[in-house]
mmCIF file of all heavy atoms, coordinates in Angstrom:
data_MODEL
# 
_entry.id   MODEL 
# 
loop_
_atom_site.group_PDB 
_atom_site.id 
_atom_site.type_symbol 
_atom_site.label_atom_id 
_atom_site.label_alt_id 
_atom_site.label_comp_id 
_atom_site.label_asym_id 
_atom_site.label_entity_id 
_atom_site.label_seq_id 
_atom_site.pdbx_PDB_ins_code 
_atom_site.Cartn_x 
_atom_site.Cartn_y 
_atom_site.Cartn_z 
_atom_site.occupancy 
_atom_site.B_iso_or_equiv 
_atom_site.pdbx_formal_charge 
_atom_site.auth_seq_id 
_atom_site.auth_comp_id 
_atom_site.auth_asym_id 
_atom_site.auth_atom_id 
_atom_site.pdbx_PDB_model_num 
ATOM 1   N N   . CYS A 1 1  ? -31.926 -5.287  -11.969 1.00 0.00 ? 1  CYS A N   1 
ATOM 2   C CA  . CYS A 1 1  ? -31.817 -6.373  -10.986 1.00 0.00 ? 1  CYS A CA  1 
ATOM 3   C C   . CYS A 1 1  ? -33.025 -6.383  -10.052 1.00 0.00 ? 1  CYS A C   1 
ATOM 4   O O   . CYS A 1 1  ? -33.503 -7.448  -9.655  1.00 0.00 ? 1  CYS A O   1 
ATOM 5   C CB  . CYS A 1 1  ? -30.536 -6.217  -10.178 1.00 0.00 ? 1  CYS A CB  1 
ATOM 6   S SG  . CYS A 1 1  ? -29.043 -6.674  -11.086 1.00 0.00 ? 1  CYS A SG  1 
ATOM 7   N N   . THR A 1 2  ? -33.513 -5.199  -9.710  1.00 0.00 ? 2  THR A N   1 
ATOM 8   C CA  . THR A 1 2  ? -34.706 -5.106  -8.866  1.00 0.00 ? 2  THR A CA  1 
ATOM 9   C C   . THR A 1 2  ? -35.903 -5.715  -9.577  1.00 0.00 ? 2  THR A C   1 
ATOM 10  O O   . THR A 1 2  ? -36.696 -6.459  -8.988  1.00 0.00 ? 2  THR A O   1 
ATOM 11  C CB  . THR A 1 2  ? -35.004 -3.637  -8.509  1.00 0.00 ? 2  THR A CB  1 
ATOM 12  O OG1 . THR A 1 2  ? -33.870 -3.072  -7.840  1.00 0.00 ? 2  THR A OG1 1 
ATOM 13  C CG2 . THR A 1 2  ? -36.218 -3.535  -7.592  1.00 0.00 ? 2  THR A CG2 1 
ATOM 14  N N   . PHE A 1 3  ? -36.028 -5.408  -10.864 1.00 0.00 ? 3  PHE A N   1 
ATOM 15  C CA  . PHE A 1 3  ? -37.108 -5.982  -11.673 1.00 0.00 ? 3  PHE A CA  1 
ATOM 16  C C   . PHE A 1 3  ? -36.977 -7.504  -11.713 1.00 0.00 ? 3  PHE A C   1 
ATOM 17  O O   . PHE A 1 3  ? -37.962 -8.235  -11.530 1.00 0.00 ? 3  PHE A O   1 
ATOM 18  C CB  . PHE A 1 3  ? -37.046 -5.415  -13.094 1.00 0.00 ? 3  PHE A CB  1 
ATOM 19  C CG  . PHE A 1 3  ? -38.168 -5.861  -13.986 1.00 0.00 ? 3  PHE A CG  1 
ATOM 20  C CD1 . PHE A 1 3  ? -39.279 -5.054  -14.189 1.00 0.00 ? 3  PHE A CD1 1 
ATOM 21  C CD2 . PHE A 1 3  ? -38.121 -7.093  -14.630 1.00 0.00 ? 3  PHE A CD2 1 
ATOM 22  C CE1 . PHE A 1 3  ? -40.332 -5.461  -15.008 1.00 0.00 ? 3  PHE A CE1 1 
ATOM 23  C CE2 . PHE A 1 3  ? -39.159 -7.513  -15.446 1.00 0.00 ? 3  PHE A CE2 1 
ATOM 24  C CZ  . PHE A 1 3  ? -40.264 -6.697  -15.633 1.00 0.00 ? 3  PHE A CZ  1 
ATOM 25  N N   . PHE A 1 4  ? -35.765 -7.993  -11.940 1.00 0.00 ? 4  PHE A N   1 
ATOM 26  C CA  . PHE A 1 4  ? -35.529 -9.432  -12.017 1.00 0.00 ? 4  PHE A CA  1 
ATOM 27  C C   . PHE A 1 4  ? -35.869 -10.125 -10.698 1.00 0.00 ? 4  PHE A C   1 
ATOM 28  O O   . PHE A 1 4  ? -36.519 -11.179 -10.681 1.00 0.00 ? 4  PHE A O   1 
ATOM 29  C CB  . PHE A 1 4  ? -34.066 -9.688  -12.380 1.00 0.00 ? 4  PHE A CB  1 
ATOM 30  C CG  . PHE A 1 4  ? -33.696 -11.140 -12.364 1.00 0.00 ? 4  PHE A CG  1 
ATOM 31  C CD1 . PHE A 1 4  ? -34.054 -11.971 -13.415 1.00 0.00 ? 4  PHE A CD1 1 
ATOM 32  C CD2 . PHE A 1 4  ? -33.000 -11.684 -11.293 1.00 0.00 ? 4  PHE A CD2 1 
ATOM 33  C CE1 . PHE A 1 4  ? -33.718 -13.322 -13.404 1.00 0.00 ? 4  PHE A CE1 1 
ATOM 34  C CE2 . PHE A 1 4  ? -32.663 -13.029 -11.273 1.00 0.00 ? 4  PHE A CE2 1 
ATOM 35  C CZ  . PHE A 1 4  ? -33.021 -13.848 -12.323 1.00 0.00 ? 4  PHE A CZ  1 
ATOM 36  N N   . ILE A 1 5  ? -35.453 -9.542  -9.589  1.00 0.00 ? 5  ILE A N   1 
ATOM 37  C CA  . ILE A 1 5  ? -35.718 -10.138 -8.279  1.00 0.00 ? 5  ILE A CA  1 
ATOM 38  C C   . ILE A 1 5  ? -37.209 -10.165 -7.982  1.00 0.00 ? 5  ILE A C   1 
ATOM 39  O O   . ILE A 1 5  ? -37.739 -11.147 -7.446  1.00 0.00 ? 5  ILE A O   1 
ATOM 40  C CB  . ILE A 1 5  ? -34.970 -9.352  -7.177  1.00 0.00 ? 5  ILE A CB  1 
ATOM 41  C CG1 . ILE A 1 5  ? -33.460 -9.543  -7.337  1.00 0.00 ? 5  ILE A CG1 1 
ATOM 42  C CG2 . ILE A 1 5  ? -35.412 -9.814  -5.784  1.00 0.00 ? 5  ILE A CG2 1 
ATOM 43  C CD1 . ILE A 1 5  ? -32.633 -8.625  -6.461  1.00 0.00 ? 5  ILE A CD1 1 
ATOM 44  N N   . ALA A 1 6  ? -37.890 -9.077  -8.347  1.00 0.00 ? 6  ALA A N   1 
ATOM 45  C CA  . ALA A 1 6  ? -39.315 -8.963  -8.033  1.00 0.00 ? 6  ALA A CA  1 
ATOM 46  C C   . ALA A 1 6  ? -40.180 -9.888  -8.881  1.00 0.00 ? 6  ALA A C   1 
ATOM 47  O O   . ALA A 1 6  ? -41.190 -10.419 -8.406  1.00 0.00 ? 6  ALA A O   1 
ATOM 48  C CB  . ALA A 1 6  ? -39.770 -7.513  -8.215  1.00 0.00 ? 6  ALA A CB  1 
ATOM 49  N N   . HIS A 1 7  ? -39.798 -10.097 -10.142 1.00 0.00 ? 7  HIS A N   1 
ATOM 50  C CA  . HIS A 1 7  ? -40.684 -10.820 -11.060 1.00 0.00 ? 7  HIS A CA  1 
ATOM 51  C C   . HIS A 1 7  ? -40.076 -12.093 -11.661 1.00 0.00 ? 7  HIS A C   1 
ATOM 52  O O   . HIS A 1 7  ? -40.755 -12.816 -12.399 1.00 0.00 ? 7  HIS A O   1 
ATOM 53  C CB  . HIS A 1 7  ? -41.112 -9.889  -12.199 1.00 0.00 ? 7  HIS A CB  1 
ATOM 54  C CG  . HIS A 1 7  ? -41.846 -8.678  -11.733 1.00 0.00 ? 7  HIS A CG  1 
ATOM 55  N ND1 . HIS A 1 7  ? -43.075 -8.759  -11.125 1.00 0.00 ? 7  HIS A ND1 1 
ATOM 56  C CD2 . HIS A 1 7  ? -41.515 -7.348  -11.771 1.00 0.00 ? 7  HIS A CD2 1 
ATOM 57  C CE1 . HIS A 1 7  ? -43.482 -7.528  -10.815 1.00 0.00 ? 7  HIS A CE1 1 
ATOM 58  N NE2 . HIS A 1 7  ? -42.555 -6.664  -11.190 1.00 0.00 ? 7  HIS A NE2 1 
ATOM 59  N N   . GLY A 1 8  ? -38.814 -12.352 -11.360 1.00 0.00 ? 8  GLY A N   1 
ATOM 60  C CA  . GLY A 1 8  ? -38.142 -13.486 -11.975 1.00 0.00 ? 8  GLY A CA  1 
ATOM 61  C C   . GLY A 1 8  ? -38.757 -14.841 -11.673 1.00 0.00 ? 8  GLY A C   1 
ATOM 62  O O   . GLY A 1 8  ? -38.691 -15.761 -12.486 1.00 0.00 ? 8  GLY A O   1 
ATOM 63  N N   . ASN A 1 9  ? -39.392 -14.958 -10.504 1.00 0.00 ? 9  ASN A N   1 
ATOM 64  C CA  . ASN A 1 9  ? -39.947 -16.267 -10.120 1.00 0.00 ? 9  ASN A CA  1 
ATOM 65  C C   . ASN A 1 9  ? -41.239 -16.614 -10.849 1.00 0.00 ? 9  ASN A C   1 
ATOM 66  O O   . ASN A 1 9  ? -41.656 -17.777 -10.873 1.00 0.00 ? 9  ASN A O   1 
ATOM 67  C CB  . ASN A 1 9  ? -40.190 -16.306 -8.603  1.00 0.00 ? 9  ASN A CB  1 
ATOM 68  C CG  . ASN A 1 9  ? -41.225 -15.285 -8.163  1.00 0.00 ? 9  ASN A CG  1 
ATOM 69  O OD1 . ASN A 1 9  ? -41.361 -14.235 -8.778  1.00 0.00 ? 9  ASN A OD1 1 
ATOM 70  N ND2 . ASN A 1 9  ? -41.928 -15.585 -7.096  1.00 0.00 ? 9  ASN A ND2 1 
ATOM 71  N N   . LYS A 1 10 ? -41.889 -15.600 -11.447 1.00 0.00 ? 10 LYS A N   1 
ATOM 72  C CA  . LYS A 1 10 ? -43.161 -15.879 -12.122 1.00 0.00 ? 10 LYS A CA  1 
ATOM 73  C C   . LYS A 1 10 ? -43.152 -15.522 -13.615 1.00 0.00 ? 10 LYS A C   1 
ATOM 74  O O   . LYS A 1 10 ? -44.110 -15.828 -14.335 1.00 0.00 ? 10 LYS A O   1 
ATOM 75  C CB  . LYS A 1 10 ? -44.292 -15.116 -11.431 1.00 0.00 ? 10 LYS A CB  1 
ATOM 76  C CG  . LYS A 1 10 ? -44.091 -13.612 -11.392 1.00 0.00 ? 10 LYS A CG  1 
ATOM 77  C CD  . LYS A 1 10 ? -45.208 -12.933 -10.600 1.00 0.00 ? 10 LYS A CD  1 
ATOM 78  C CE  . LYS A 1 10 ? -44.954 -11.442 -10.476 1.00 0.00 ? 10 LYS A CE  1 
ATOM 79  N NZ  . LYS A 1 10 ? -45.997 -10.770 -9.673  1.00 0.00 ? 10 LYS A NZ  1 
ATOM 80  N N   . ALA A 1 11 ? -42.083 -14.884 -14.046 1.00 0.00 ? 11 ALA A N   1 
ATOM 81  C CA  . ALA A 1 11 ? -42.017 -14.475 -15.456 1.00 0.00 ? 11 ALA A CA  1 
ATOM 82  C C   . ALA A 1 11 ? -41.400 -15.568 -16.312 1.00 0.00 ? 11 ALA A C   1 
ATOM 83  O O   . ALA A 1 11 ? -40.721 -16.470 -15.829 1.00 0.00 ? 11 ALA A O   1 
ATOM 84  C CB  . ALA A 1 11 ? -41.208 -13.190 -15.587 1.00 0.00 ? 11 ALA A CB  1 
ATOM 85  N N   . GLU A 1 12 ? -41.663 -15.464 -17.605 1.00 0.00 ? 12 GLU A N   1 
ATOM 86  C CA  . GLU A 1 12 ? -41.177 -16.453 -18.573 1.00 0.00 ? 12 GLU A CA  1 
ATOM 87  C C   . GLU A 1 12 ? -40.420 -15.743 -19.682 1.00 0.00 ? 12 GLU A C   1 
ATOM 88  O O   . GLU A 1 12 ? -40.820 -14.663 -20.132 1.00 0.00 ? 12 GLU A O   1 
ATOM 89  C CB  . GLU A 1 12 ? -42.368 -17.220 -19.153 1.00 0.00 ? 12 GLU A CB  1 
ATOM 90  C CG  . GLU A 1 12 ? -42.007 -18.242 -20.205 1.00 0.00 ? 12 GLU A CG  1 
ATOM 91  C CD  . GLU A 1 12 ? -43.247 -18.879 -20.827 1.00 0.00 ? 12 GLU A CD  1 
ATOM 92  O OE1 . GLU A 1 12 ? -44.353 -18.675 -20.295 1.00 0.00 ? 12 GLU A OE1 1 
ATOM 93  O OE2 . GLU A 1 12 ? -43.096 -19.559 -21.864 1.00 0.00 ? 12 GLU A OE2 1 
ATOM 94  N N   . HIS A 1 13 ? -39.319 -16.331 -20.118 1.00 0.00 ? 13 HIS A N   1 
ATOM 95  C CA  . HIS A 1 13 ? -38.532 -15.717 -21.175 1.00 0.00 ? 13 HIS A CA  1 
ATOM 96  C C   . HIS A 1 13 ? -39.160 -15.984 -22.540 1.00 0.00 ? 13 HIS A C   1 
ATOM 97  O O   . HIS A 1 13 ? -39.503 -17.114 -22.872 1.00 0.00 ? 13 HIS A O   1 
ATOM 98  C CB  . HIS A 1 13 ? -37.105 -16.264 -21.175 1.00 0.00 ? 13 HIS A CB  1 
ATOM 99  C CG  . HIS A 1 13 ? -36.266 -15.721 -22.286 1.00 0.00 ? 13 HIS A CG  1 
ATOM 100 N ND1 . HIS A 1 13 ? -36.058 -16.396 -23.467 1.00 0.00 ? 13 HIS A ND1 1 
ATOM 101 C CD2 . HIS A 1 13 ? -35.610 -14.535 -22.410 1.00 0.00 ? 13 HIS A CD2 1 
ATOM 102 C CE1 . HIS A 1 13 ? -35.294 -15.674 -24.261 1.00 0.00 ? 13 HIS A CE1 1 
ATOM 103 N NE2 . HIS A 1 13 ? -35.002 -14.540 -23.654 1.00 0.00 ? 13 HIS A NE2 1 
ATOM 104 N N   . TYR A 1 14 ? -39.318 -14.911 -23.317 1.00 0.00 ? 14 TYR A N   1 
ATOM 105 C CA  . TYR A 1 14 ? -39.825 -14.998 -24.680 1.00 0.00 ? 14 TYR A CA  1 
ATOM 106 C C   . TYR A 1 14 ? -38.672 -14.773 -25.649 1.00 0.00 ? 14 TYR A C   1 
ATOM 107 O O   . TYR A 1 14 ? -37.874 -13.853 -25.476 1.00 0.00 ? 14 TYR A O   1 
ATOM 108 C CB  . TYR A 1 14 ? -40.883 -13.927 -24.942 1.00 0.00 ? 14 TYR A CB  1 
ATOM 109 C CG  . TYR A 1 14 ? -42.251 -14.201 -24.358 1.00 0.00 ? 14 TYR A CG  1 
ATOM 110 C CD1 . TYR A 1 14 ? -43.239 -13.202 -24.390 1.00 0.00 ? 14 TYR A CD1 1 
ATOM 111 C CD2 . TYR A 1 14 ? -42.588 -15.424 -23.797 1.00 0.00 ? 14 TYR A CD2 1 
ATOM 112 C CE1 . TYR A 1 14 ? -44.501 -13.433 -23.865 1.00 0.00 ? 14 TYR A CE1 1 
ATOM 113 C CE2 . TYR A 1 14 ? -43.840 -15.665 -23.275 1.00 0.00 ? 14 TYR A CE2 1 
ATOM 114 C CZ  . TYR A 1 14 ? -44.795 -14.669 -23.302 1.00 0.00 ? 14 TYR A CZ  1 
ATOM 115 O OH  . TYR A 1 14 ? -46.042 -14.893 -22.775 1.00 0.00 ? 14 TYR A OH  1 
ATOM 116 N N   . THR A 1 15 ? -38.616 -15.560 -26.695 1.00 0.00 ? 15 THR A N   1 
ATOM 117 C CA  . THR A 1 15 ? -37.613 -15.351 -27.740 1.00 0.00 ? 15 THR A CA  1 
ATOM 118 C C   . THR A 1 15 ? -37.996 -14.120 -28.560 1.00 0.00 ? 15 THR A C   1 
ATOM 119 O O   . THR A 1 15 ? -39.104 -13.586 -28.430 1.00 0.00 ? 15 THR A O   1 
ATOM 120 C CB  . THR A 1 15 ? -37.534 -16.569 -28.677 1.00 0.00 ? 15 THR A CB  1 
ATOM 121 O OG1 . THR A 1 15 ? -38.805 -16.720 -29.337 1.00 0.00 ? 15 THR A OG1 1 
ATOM 122 C CG2 . THR A 1 15 ? -37.193 -17.828 -27.901 1.00 0.00 ? 15 THR A CG2 1 
ATOM 123 N N   . VAL A 1 16 ? -37.081 -13.691 -29.415 1.00 0.00 ? 16 VAL A N   1 
ATOM 124 C CA  . VAL A 1 16 ? -37.332 -12.513 -30.255 1.00 0.00 ? 16 VAL A CA  1 
ATOM 125 C C   . VAL A 1 16 ? -38.587 -12.706 -31.104 1.00 0.00 ? 16 VAL A C   1 
ATOM 126 O O   . VAL A 1 16 ? -39.432 -11.806 -31.205 1.00 0.00 ? 16 VAL A O   1 
ATOM 127 C CB  . VAL A 1 16 ? -36.119 -12.232 -31.168 1.00 0.00 ? 16 VAL A CB  1 
ATOM 128 C CG1 . VAL A 1 16 ? -36.434 -11.075 -32.113 1.00 0.00 ? 16 VAL A CG1 1 
ATOM 129 C CG2 . VAL A 1 16 ? -34.894 -11.921 -30.338 1.00 0.00 ? 16 VAL A CG2 1 
ATOM 130 N N   . LYS A 1 17 ? -38.730 -13.866 -31.729 1.00 0.00 ? 17 LYS A N   1 
ATOM 131 C CA  . LYS A 1 17 ? -39.883 -14.124 -32.594 1.00 0.00 ? 17 LYS A CA  1 
ATOM 132 C C   . LYS A 1 17 ? -41.194 -14.061 -31.820 1.00 0.00 ? 17 LYS A C   1 
ATOM 133 O O   . LYS A 1 17 ? -42.187 -13.510 -32.306 1.00 0.00 ? 17 LYS A O   1 
ATOM 134 C CB  . LYS A 1 17 ? -39.740 -15.493 -33.269 1.00 0.00 ? 17 LYS A CB  1 
ATOM 135 C CG  . LYS A 1 17 ? -38.665 -15.535 -34.343 1.00 0.00 ? 17 LYS A CG  1 
ATOM 136 C CD  . LYS A 1 17 ? -38.642 -16.885 -35.041 1.00 0.00 ? 17 LYS A CD  1 
ATOM 137 C CE  . LYS A 1 17 ? -37.599 -16.907 -36.148 1.00 0.00 ? 17 LYS A CE  1 
ATOM 138 N NZ  . LYS A 1 17 ? -37.560 -18.216 -36.859 1.00 0.00 ? 17 LYS A NZ  1 
ATOM 139 N N   . VAL A 1 18 ? -41.191 -14.609 -30.625 1.00 0.00 ? 18 VAL A N   1 
ATOM 140 C CA  . VAL A 1 18 ? -42.409 -14.586 -29.805 1.00 0.00 ? 18 VAL A CA  1 
ATOM 141 C C   . VAL A 1 18 ? -42.738 -13.161 -29.387 1.00 0.00 ? 18 VAL A C   1 
ATOM 142 O O   . VAL A 1 18 ? -43.902 -12.739 -29.412 1.00 0.00 ? 18 VAL A O   1 
ATOM 143 C CB  . VAL A 1 18 ? -42.242 -15.487 -28.561 1.00 0.00 ? 18 VAL A CB  1 
ATOM 144 C CG1 . VAL A 1 18 ? -43.455 -15.348 -27.629 1.00 0.00 ? 18 VAL A CG1 1 
ATOM 145 C CG2 . VAL A 1 18 ? -42.055 -16.935 -28.973 1.00 0.00 ? 18 VAL A CG2 1 
ATOM 146 N N   . ARG A 1 19 ? -41.714 -12.395 -29.020 1.00 0.00 ? 19 ARG A N   1 
ATOM 147 C CA  . ARG A 1 19 ? -41.938 -11.005 -28.624 1.00 0.00 ? 19 ARG A CA  1 
ATOM 148 C C   . ARG A 1 19 ? -42.540 -10.204 -29.773 1.00 0.00 ? 19 ARG A C   1 
ATOM 149 O O   . ARG A 1 19 ? -43.473 -9.417  -29.587 1.00 0.00 ? 19 ARG A O   1 
ATOM 150 C CB  . ARG A 1 19 ? -40.616 -10.365 -28.170 1.00 0.00 ? 19 ARG A CB  1 
ATOM 151 C CG  . ARG A 1 19 ? -40.049 -10.955 -26.891 1.00 0.00 ? 19 ARG A CG  1 
ATOM 152 C CD  . ARG A 1 19 ? -39.046 -10.021 -26.248 1.00 0.00 ? 19 ARG A CD  1 
ATOM 153 N NE  . ARG A 1 19 ? -37.839 -9.812  -27.006 1.00 0.00 ? 19 ARG A NE  1 
ATOM 154 C CZ  . ARG A 1 19 ? -36.684 -10.455 -26.795 1.00 0.00 ? 19 ARG A CZ  1 
ATOM 155 N NH1 . ARG A 1 19 ? -36.611 -11.405 -25.870 1.00 0.00 ? 19 ARG A NH1 1 
ATOM 156 N NH2 . ARG A 1 19 ? -35.618 -10.182 -27.503 1.00 0.00 ? 19 ARG A NH2 1 
ATOM 157 N N   . GLN A 1 20 ? -41.989 -10.393 -30.957 1.00 0.00 ? 20 GLN A N   1 
ATOM 158 C CA  . GLN A 1 20 ? -42.487 -9.665  -32.126 1.00 0.00 ? 20 GLN A CA  1 
ATOM 159 C C   . GLN A 1 20 ? -43.909 -10.084 -32.482 1.00 0.00 ? 20 GLN A C   1 
ATOM 160 O O   . GLN A 1 20 ? -44.683 -9.279  -33.004 1.00 0.00 ? 20 GLN A O   1 
ATOM 161 C CB  . GLN A 1 20 ? -41.555 -9.898  -33.316 1.00 0.00 ? 20 GLN A CB  1 
ATOM 162 C CG  . GLN A 1 20 ? -40.186 -9.266  -33.139 1.00 0.00 ? 20 GLN A CG  1 
ATOM 163 C CD  . GLN A 1 20 ? -39.239 -9.632  -34.261 1.00 0.00 ? 20 GLN A CD  1 
ATOM 164 O OE1 . GLN A 1 20 ? -39.461 -10.579 -35.017 1.00 0.00 ? 20 GLN A OE1 1 
ATOM 165 N NE2 . GLN A 1 20 ? -38.140 -8.882  -34.392 1.00 0.00 ? 20 GLN A NE2 1 
ATOM 166 N N   . MET A 1 21 ? -44.245 -11.310 -32.178 1.00 0.00 ? 21 MET A N   1 
ATOM 167 C CA  . MET A 1 21 ? -45.586 -11.803 -32.466 1.00 0.00 ? 21 MET A CA  1 
ATOM 168 C C   . MET A 1 21 ? -46.617 -11.154 -31.537 1.00 0.00 ? 21 MET A C   1 
ATOM 169 O O   . MET A 1 21 ? -47.724 -10.835 -31.939 1.00 0.00 ? 21 MET A O   1 
ATOM 170 C CB  . MET A 1 21 ? -45.623 -13.322 -32.305 1.00 0.00 ? 21 MET A CB  1 
ATOM 171 C CG  . MET A 1 21 ? -46.979 -13.962 -32.579 1.00 0.00 ? 21 MET A CG  1 
ATOM 172 S SD  . MET A 1 21 ? -46.898 -15.756 -32.462 1.00 0.00 ? 21 MET A SD  1 
ATOM 173 C CE  . MET A 1 21 ? -46.567 -15.964 -30.701 1.00 0.00 ? 21 MET A CE  1 
ATOM 174 N N   . TYR A 1 22 ? -46.219 -10.931 -30.287 1.00 0.00 ? 22 TYR A N   1 
ATOM 175 C CA  . TYR A 1 22 ? -47.143 -10.380 -29.295 1.00 0.00 ? 22 TYR A CA  1 
ATOM 176 C C   . TYR A 1 22 ? -47.257 -8.856  -29.351 1.00 0.00 ? 22 TYR A C   1 
ATOM 177 O O   . TYR A 1 22 ? -48.320 -8.293  -29.120 1.00 0.00 ? 22 TYR A O   1 
ATOM 178 C CB  . TYR A 1 22 ? -46.712 -10.783 -27.888 1.00 0.00 ? 22 TYR A CB  1 
ATOM 179 C CG  . TYR A 1 22 ? -47.138 -12.180 -27.503 1.00 0.00 ? 22 TYR A CG  1 
ATOM 180 C CD1 . TYR A 1 22 ? -46.204 -13.112 -27.047 1.00 0.00 ? 22 TYR A CD1 1 
ATOM 181 C CD2 . TYR A 1 22 ? -48.472 -12.574 -27.586 1.00 0.00 ? 22 TYR A CD2 1 
ATOM 182 C CE1 . TYR A 1 22 ? -46.582 -14.391 -26.685 1.00 0.00 ? 22 TYR A CE1 1 
ATOM 183 C CE2 . TYR A 1 22 ? -48.862 -13.853 -27.233 1.00 0.00 ? 22 TYR A CE2 1 
ATOM 184 C CZ  . TYR A 1 22 ? -47.924 -14.761 -26.783 1.00 0.00 ? 22 TYR A CZ  1 
ATOM 185 O OH  . TYR A 1 22 ? -48.321 -16.033 -26.433 1.00 0.00 ? 22 TYR A OH  1 
ATOM 186 N N   . ILE A 1 23 ? -46.137 -8.176  -29.605 1.00 0.00 ? 23 ILE A N   1 
ATOM 187 C CA  . ILE A 1 23 ? -46.161 -6.711  -29.556 1.00 0.00 ? 23 ILE A CA  1 
ATOM 188 C C   . ILE A 1 23 ? -45.177 -6.125  -30.566 1.00 0.00 ? 23 ILE A C   1 
ATOM 189 O O   . ILE A 1 23 ? -44.068 -6.645  -30.735 1.00 0.00 ? 23 ILE A O   1 
ATOM 190 C CB  . ILE A 1 23 ? -45.824 -6.220  -28.132 1.00 0.00 ? 23 ILE A CB  1 
ATOM 191 C CG1 . ILE A 1 23 ? -46.088 -4.722  -28.003 1.00 0.00 ? 23 ILE A CG1 1 
ATOM 192 C CG2 . ILE A 1 23 ? -44.397 -6.559  -27.741 1.00 0.00 ? 23 ILE A CG2 1 
ATOM 193 C CD1 . ILE A 1 23 ? -46.058 -4.238  -26.571 1.00 0.00 ? 23 ILE A CD1 1 
ATOM 194 N N   . ARG A 1 24 ? -45.594 -5.067  -31.232 1.00 0.00 ? 24 ARG A N   1 
ATOM 195 C CA  . ARG A 1 24 ? -44.752 -4.459  -32.257 1.00 0.00 ? 24 ARG A CA  1 
ATOM 196 C C   . ARG A 1 24 ? -43.808 -3.404  -31.683 1.00 0.00 ? 24 ARG A C   1 
ATOM 197 O O   . ARG A 1 24 ? -42.687 -3.255  -32.149 1.00 0.00 ? 24 ARG A O   1 
ATOM 198 C CB  . ARG A 1 24 ? -45.636 -3.821  -33.337 1.00 0.00 ? 24 ARG A CB  1 
ATOM 199 C CG  . ARG A 1 24 ? -46.425 -4.833  -34.160 1.00 0.00 ? 24 ARG A CG  1 
ATOM 200 C CD  . ARG A 1 24 ? -47.214 -4.124  -35.244 1.00 0.00 ? 24 ARG A CD  1 
ATOM 201 N NE  . ARG A 1 24 ? -47.969 -5.070  -36.062 1.00 0.00 ? 24 ARG A NE  1 
ATOM 202 C CZ  . ARG A 1 24 ? -48.750 -4.715  -37.068 1.00 0.00 ? 24 ARG A CZ  1 
ATOM 203 N NH1 . ARG A 1 24 ? -48.866 -3.422  -37.402 1.00 0.00 ? 24 ARG A NH1 1 
ATOM 204 N NH2 . ARG A 1 24 ? -49.412 -5.637  -37.768 1.00 0.00 ? 24 ARG A NH2 1 
ATOM 205 N N   . ASP A 1 25 ? -44.309 -2.643  -30.706 1.00 0.00 ? 25 ASP A N   1 
ATOM 206 C CA  . ASP A 1 25 ? -43.518 -1.524  -30.188 1.00 0.00 ? 25 ASP A CA  1 
ATOM 207 C C   . ASP A 1 25 ? -43.391 -1.626  -28.674 1.00 0.00 ? 25 ASP A C   1 
ATOM 208 O O   . ASP A 1 25 ? -44.256 -1.169  -27.929 1.00 0.00 ? 25 ASP A O   1 
ATOM 209 C CB  . ASP A 1 25 ? -44.182 -0.196  -30.585 1.00 0.00 ? 25 ASP A CB  1 
ATOM 210 C CG  . ASP A 1 25 ? -43.303 1.008   -30.261 1.00 0.00 ? 25 ASP A CG  1 
ATOM 211 O OD1 . ASP A 1 25 ? -42.214 0.810   -29.682 1.00 0.00 ? 25 ASP A OD1 1 
ATOM 212 O OD2 . ASP A 1 25 ? -43.699 2.143   -30.575 1.00 0.00 ? 25 ASP A OD2 1 
ATOM 213 N N   . VAL A 1 26 ? -42.294 -2.213  -28.205 1.00 0.00 ? 26 VAL A N   1 
ATOM 214 C CA  . VAL A 1 26 ? -42.089 -2.373  -26.766 1.00 0.00 ? 26 VAL A CA  1 
ATOM 215 C C   . VAL A 1 26 ? -41.792 -1.030  -26.103 1.00 0.00 ? 26 VAL A C   1 
ATOM 216 O O   . VAL A 1 26 ? -42.084 -0.826  -24.916 1.00 0.00 ? 26 VAL A O   1 
ATOM 217 C CB  . VAL A 1 26 ? -40.958 -3.382  -26.494 1.00 0.00 ? 26 VAL A CB  1 
ATOM 218 C CG1 . VAL A 1 26 ? -39.612 -2.833  -26.933 1.00 0.00 ? 26 VAL A CG1 1 
ATOM 219 C CG2 . VAL A 1 26 ? -40.916 -3.754  -25.013 1.00 0.00 ? 26 VAL A CG2 1 
ATOM 220 N N   . THR A 1 27 ? -41.228 -0.089  -26.871 1.00 0.00 ? 27 THR A N   1 
ATOM 221 C CA  . THR A 1 27 ? -40.954 1.244   -26.330 1.00 0.00 ? 27 THR A CA  1 
ATOM 222 C C   . THR A 1 27 ? -42.248 1.928   -25.901 1.00 0.00 ? 27 THR A C   1 
ATOM 223 O O   . THR A 1 27 ? -42.326 2.554   -24.843 1.00 0.00 ? 27 THR A O   1 
ATOM 224 C CB  . THR A 1 27 ? -40.226 2.118   -27.379 1.00 0.00 ? 27 THR A CB  1 
ATOM 225 O OG1 . THR A 1 27 ? -38.970 1.519   -27.689 1.00 0.00 ? 27 THR A OG1 1 
ATOM 226 C CG2 . THR A 1 27 ? -39.990 3.523   -26.851 1.00 0.00 ? 27 THR A CG2 1 
# 
């Protein structure tokens, strides 16, 4: 929730396909 409050106003939601396209290992 702290992360969401701090960055929610400027961040954008990526779908699964978009996430996989940008980065292979989020861990």
